[in-house]
Amino acid sequence: MTRGREVREVIVYCDGGSRGNPGPAAIGAVVVDPTVSPPRRLATVSERIGVTTNNVAEWRAVIAGIEAAARFRPRSVRLRADSQLVVRQLRGEYRVRQPHLQPLHERARALLEQFDEVDVRHVPRDANAEADALVNAALDGAAP
């Protein structure tokens, strides 16, 4: 994996989706440096992940977004997602009950441990439009 330049803080916007549940699925993530004005996009993820459920796609997007952010070795990560369920599970407010989602939850939590500061929050869908567009671009076969 290539290393990006170091930044002290990043925001990761992530989204996953499937057309059908299960159905063709994709993930999207955007890593942003908010310390410059205007905030600068550092990395994007946009890829099909096969046929799976929406929940699996949401978790895979979180993981891919965190992995993309880690290349920049930030001290602080602000993770933003429009899935209230995933956000609440990641923050420990809800348990992950479905056995097939537990390894994805554990992987995301383990990845977040590498950062000094982590802030995970739900954002409305319109505040996550770029990540959503990357999901749809991957599903439609368009270049992001």
C-alpha atoms as a PDB file:
ATOM      1  CA  MET A   1       0.000   0.000   0.000  1.00  0.00           C
ATOM      2  CA  THR A   2       1.372   3.379  -0.891  1.00  0.00           C
ATOM      3  CA  ARG A   3       1.585   5.974   1.849  1.00  0.00           C
ATOM      4  CA  GLY A   4      -0.012   9.363   1.460  1.00  0.00           C
ATOM      5  CA  ARG A   5       1.394  12.534   2.902  1.00  0.00           C
ATOM      6  CA  GLU A   6       0.828  12.933   6.620  1.00  0.00           C
ATOM      7  CA  VAL A   7      -2.021  15.091   7.868  1.00  0.00           C
ATOM      8  CA  ARG A   8      -3.084  15.599  11.465  1.00  0.00           C
ATOM      9  CA  GLU A   9      -6.832  15.198  10.975  1.00  0.00           C
ATOM     10  CA  VAL A  10      -9.165  13.706   8.377  1.00  0.00           C
ATOM     11  CA  ILE A  11     -12.880  13.362   7.865  1.00  0.00           C
ATOM     12  CA  VAL A  12     -14.068  10.110   6.306  1.00  0.00           C
ATOM     13  CA  TYR A  13     -17.474  10.109   4.635  1.00  0.00           C
ATOM     14  CA  CYS A  14     -18.620   6.606   3.780  1.00  0.00           C
ATOM     15  CA  ASP A  15     -21.635   4.870   2.305  1.00  0.00           C
ATOM     16  CA  GLY A  16     -22.566   1.440   1.093  1.00  0.00           C
ATOM     17  CA  GLY A  17     -25.569   0.252  -0.805  1.00  0.00           C
ATOM     18  CA  SER A  18     -27.164  -2.617  -2.627  1.00  0.00           C
ATOM     19  CA  ARG A  19     -29.803  -2.698  -5.306  1.00  0.00           C
ATOM     20  CA  GLY A  20     -31.986  -5.358  -3.807  1.00  0.00           C
ATOM     21  CA  ASN A  21     -31.313  -6.791  -0.380  1.00  0.00           C
ATOM     22  CA  PRO A  22     -29.317  -8.811  -1.173  1.00  0.00           C
ATOM     23  CA  GLY A  23     -28.371  -7.534  -4.584  1.00  0.00           C
ATOM     24  CA  PRO A  24     -25.503  -5.982  -6.526  1.00  0.00           C
ATOM     25  CA  ALA A  25     -23.635  -3.861  -4.000  1.00  0.00           C
ATOM     26  CA  ALA A  26     -20.959  -1.191  -3.882  1.00  0.00           C
ATOM     27  CA  ILE A  27     -19.097   1.036  -1.475  1.00  0.00           C
ATOM     28  CA  GLY A  28     -18.020   4.645  -1.554  1.00  0.00           C
ATOM     29  CA  ALA A  29     -15.796   6.700   0.721  1.00  0.00           C
ATOM     30  CA  VAL A  30     -14.182  10.109   0.654  1.00  0.00           C
ATOM     31  CA  VAL A  31     -11.231  11.147   2.821  1.00  0.00           C
ATOM     32  CA  VAL A  32     -10.995  14.904   3.363  1.00  0.00           C
ATOM     33  CA  ASP A  33      -8.378  17.137   4.986  1.00  0.00           C
ATOM     34  CA  PRO A  34     -10.475  19.720   6.874  1.00  0.00           C
ATOM     35  CA  THR A  35      -7.448  21.654   8.122  1.00  0.00           C
ATOM     36  CA  VAL A  36      -7.052  23.583   4.879  1.00  0.00           C
ATOM     37  CA  SER A  37      -9.452  26.038   3.317  1.00  0.00           C
ATOM     38  CA  PRO A  38     -11.263  24.927   1.333  1.00  0.00           C
ATOM     39  CA  PRO A  39     -11.129  21.341   2.678  1.00  0.00           C
ATOM     40  CA  ARG A  40      -9.179  19.123   0.280  1.00  0.00           C
ATOM     41  CA  ARG A  41     -10.158  15.668  -0.913  1.00  0.00           C
ATOM     42  CA  LEU A  42      -7.265  13.297  -0.242  1.00  0.00           C
ATOM     43  CA  ALA A  43      -8.675   9.978  -1.430  1.00  0.00           C
ATOM     44  CA  THR A  44     -11.790   8.279  -2.722  1.00  0.00           C
ATOM     45  CA  VAL A  45     -13.020   4.696  -2.796  1.00  0.00           C
ATOM     46  CA  SER A  46     -15.634   3.548  -5.299  1.00  0.00           C
ATOM     47  CA  GLU A  47     -15.997  -0.149  -5.979  1.00  0.00           C
ATOM     48  CA  ARG A  48     -18.453  -2.939  -6.559  1.00  0.00           C
ATOM     49  CA  ILE A  49     -18.313  -5.638  -3.904  1.00  0.00           C
ATOM     50  CA  GLY A  50     -20.476  -8.318  -5.510  1.00  0.00           C
ATOM     51  CA  VAL A  51     -23.909  -9.427  -4.368  1.00  0.00           C
ATOM     52  CA  THR A  52     -24.604  -8.794  -0.714  1.00  0.00           C
ATOM     53  CA  THR A  53     -26.897  -6.960   1.684  1.00  0.00           C
ATOM     54  CA  ASN A  54     -27.076  -3.254   2.343  1.00  0.00           C
ATOM     55  CA  ASN A  55     -25.754  -3.753   5.907  1.00  0.00           C
ATOM     56  CA  VAL A  56     -22.672  -5.621   4.681  1.00  0.00           C
ATOM     57  CA  ALA A  57     -22.063  -2.860   2.122  1.00  0.00           C
ATOM     58  CA  GLU A  58     -22.326  -0.170   4.830  1.00  0.00           C
ATOM     59  CA  TRP A  59     -19.758  -1.975   7.003  1.00  0.00           C
ATOM     60  CA  ARG A  60     -17.420  -2.621   4.070  1.00  0.00           C
ATOM     61  CA  ALA A  61     -17.573   1.103   3.207  1.00  0.00           C
ATOM     62  CA  VAL A  62     -16.626   2.038   6.784  1.00  0.00           C
ATOM     63  CA  ILE A  63     -13.651  -0.329   6.675  1.00  0.00           C
ATOM     64  CA  ALA A  64     -12.500   0.868   3.236  1.00  0.00           C
ATOM     65  CA  GLY A  65     -12.810   4.502   4.323  1.00  0.00           C
ATOM     66  CA  ILE A  66     -10.773   3.942   7.473  1.00  0.00           C
ATOM     67  CA  GLU A  67      -8.121   2.045   5.504  1.00  0.00           C
ATOM     68  CA  ALA A  68      -7.915   4.880   2.968  1.00  0.00           C
ATOM     69  CA  ALA A  69      -7.577   7.427   5.790  1.00  0.00           C
ATOM     70  CA  ALA A  70      -4.816   5.424   7.497  1.00  0.00           C
ATOM     71  CA  ARG A  71      -2.502   6.018   4.500  1.00  0.00           C
ATOM     72  CA  PHE A  72      -2.243   9.652   5.610  1.00  0.00           C
ATOM     73  CA  ARG A  73      -1.317   8.733   9.204  1.00  0.00           C
ATOM     74  CA  PRO A  74      -3.716  11.188  10.860  1.00  0.00           C
ATOM     75  CA  ARG A  75      -3.835  11.618  14.606  1.00  0.00           C
ATOM     76  CA  SER A  76      -7.576  12.338  14.492  1.00  0.00           C
ATOM     77  CA  VAL A  77     -10.304  10.720  12.397  1.00  0.00           C
ATOM     78  CA  ARG A  78     -13.868  11.949  12.108  1.00  0.00           C
ATOM     79  CA  LEU A  79     -15.999   9.204  10.569  1.00  0.00           C
ATOM     80  CA  ARG A  80     -19.324  10.236   9.037  1.00  0.00           C
ATOM     81  CA  ALA A  81     -21.978   7.848   7.751  1.00  0.00           C
ATOM     82  CA  ASP A  82     -25.659   8.097   6.958  1.00  0.00           C
ATOM     83  CA  SER A  83     -26.470   4.690   8.461  1.00  0.00           C
ATOM     84  CA  GLN A  84     -27.698   5.328  11.999  1.00  0.00           C
ATOM     85  CA  LEU A  85     -27.495   1.615  12.754  1.00  0.00           C
ATOM     86  CA  VAL A  86     -23.828   1.306  11.782  1.00  0.00           C
ATOM     87  CA  VAL A  87     -22.908   4.515  13.638  1.00  0.00           C
ATOM     88  CA  ARG A  88     -24.656   3.380  16.803  1.00  0.00           C
ATOM     89  CA  GLN A  89     -23.113  -0.068  16.591  1.00  0.00           C
ATOM     90  CA  LEU A  90     -19.660   1.392  16.019  1.00  0.00           C
ATOM     91  CA  ARG A  91     -20.048   3.704  19.015  1.00  0.00           C
ATOM     92  CA  GLY A  92     -21.163   0.776  21.186  1.00  0.00           C
ATOM     93  CA  GLU A  93     -24.700   2.059  21.682  1.00  0.00           C
ATOM     94  CA  TYR A  94     -26.227  -0.975  19.926  1.00  0.00           C
ATOM     95  CA  ARG A  95     -24.984  -4.544  19.819  1.00  0.00           C
ATOM     96  CA  VAL A  96     -24.179  -6.219  16.519  1.00  0.00           C
ATOM     97  CA  ARG A  97     -26.502  -9.191  16.690  1.00  0.00           C
ATOM     98  CA  GLN A  98     -26.124 -10.712  13.236  1.00  0.00           C
ATOM     99  CA  PRO A  99     -23.191 -13.151  13.324  1.00  0.00           C
ATOM    100  CA  HIS A 100     -22.082 -12.402   9.752  1.00  0.00           C
ATOM    101  CA  LEU A 101     -21.718  -8.670  10.606  1.00  0.00           C
ATOM    102  CA  GLN A 102     -19.702  -9.180  13.796  1.00  0.00           C
ATOM    103  CA  PRO A 103     -16.335  -9.721  12.031  1.00  0.00           C
ATOM    104  CA  LEU A 104     -16.888  -6.527  10.010  1.00  0.00           C
ATOM    105  CA  HIS A 105     -17.694  -4.588  13.194  1.00  0.00           C
ATOM    106  CA  GLU A 106     -14.612  -6.019  14.923  1.00  0.00           C
ATOM    107  CA  ARG A 107     -12.404  -5.118  11.950  1.00  0.00           C
ATOM    108  CA  ALA A 108     -13.681  -1.526  11.876  1.00  0.00           C
ATOM    109  CA  ARG A 109     -13.190  -1.119  15.633  1.00  0.00           C
ATOM    110  CA  ALA A 110      -9.668  -2.542  15.407  1.00  0.00           C
ATOM    111  CA  LEU A 111      -8.778  -0.170  12.566  1.00  0.00           C
ATOM    112  CA  LEU A 112     -10.028   2.827  14.550  1.00  0.00           C
ATOM    113  CA  GLU A 113      -7.748   1.920  17.475  1.00  0.00           C
ATOM    114  CA  GLN A 114      -4.699   3.128  15.518  1.00  0.00           C
ATOM    115  CA  PHE A 115      -5.804   6.759  15.836  1.00  0.00           C
ATOM    116  CA  ASP A 116      -5.399   8.973  18.906  1.00  0.00           C
ATOM    117  CA  GLU A 117      -8.807  10.606  18.474  1.00  0.00           C
ATOM    118  CA  VAL A 118     -11.903   9.136  16.864  1.00  0.00           C
ATOM    119  CA  ASP A 119     -15.277  10.798  16.433  1.00  0.00           C
ATOM    120  CA  VAL A 120     -18.050   8.751  14.818  1.00  0.00           C
ATOM    121  CA  ARG A 121     -21.279  10.524  13.892  1.00  0.00           C
ATOM    122  CA  HIS A 122     -24.380  10.066  11.831  1.00  0.00           C
ATOM    123  CA  VAL A 123     -24.952  12.595   9.064  1.00  0.00           C
ATOM    124  CA  PRO A 124     -28.071  13.074   6.965  1.00  0.00           C
ATOM    125  CA  ARG A 125     -27.975  11.539   3.497  1.00  0.00           C
ATOM    126  CA  ASP A 126     -27.607  14.957   1.827  1.00  0.00           C
ATOM    127  CA  ALA A 127     -24.447  15.635   3.884  1.00  0.00           C
ATOM    128  CA  ASN A 128     -23.027  12.344   2.578  1.00  0.00           C
ATOM    129  CA  ALA A 129     -23.835  12.986  -1.083  1.00  0.00           C
ATOM    130  CA  GLU A 130     -20.317  12.490  -2.437  1.00  0.00           C
ATOM    131  CA  ALA A 131     -19.911   9.042  -0.865  1.00  0.00           C
ATOM    132  CA  ASP A 132     -23.401   8.108  -2.091  1.00  0.00           C
ATOM    133  CA  ALA A 133     -22.496   9.249  -5.602  1.00  0.00           C
ATOM    134  CA  LEU A 134     -19.400   7.020  -5.509  1.00  0.00           C
ATOM    135  CA  VAL A 135     -21.594   4.033  -4.588  1.00  0.00           C
ATOM    136  CA  ASN A 136     -23.936   4.734  -7.485  1.00  0.00           C
ATOM    137  CA  ALA A 137     -21.054   5.325  -9.900  1.00  0.00           C
ATOM    138  CA  ALA A 138     -19.617   1.925  -9.013  1.00  0.00           C
ATOM    139  CA  LEU A 139     -23.005   0.230  -9.393  1.00  0.00           C
ATOM    140  CA  ASP A 140     -23.607   1.968 -12.710  1.00  0.00           C
ATOM    141  CA  GLY A 141     -20.139   1.068 -13.959  1.00  0.00           C
ATOM    142  CA  ALA A 142     -19.165   4.726 -14.370  1.00  0.00           C
ATOM    143  CA  ALA A 143     -15.752   6.067 -13.462  1.00  0.00           C
ATOM    144  CA  PRO A 144     -15.904   8.083 -10.207  1.00  0.00           C
END
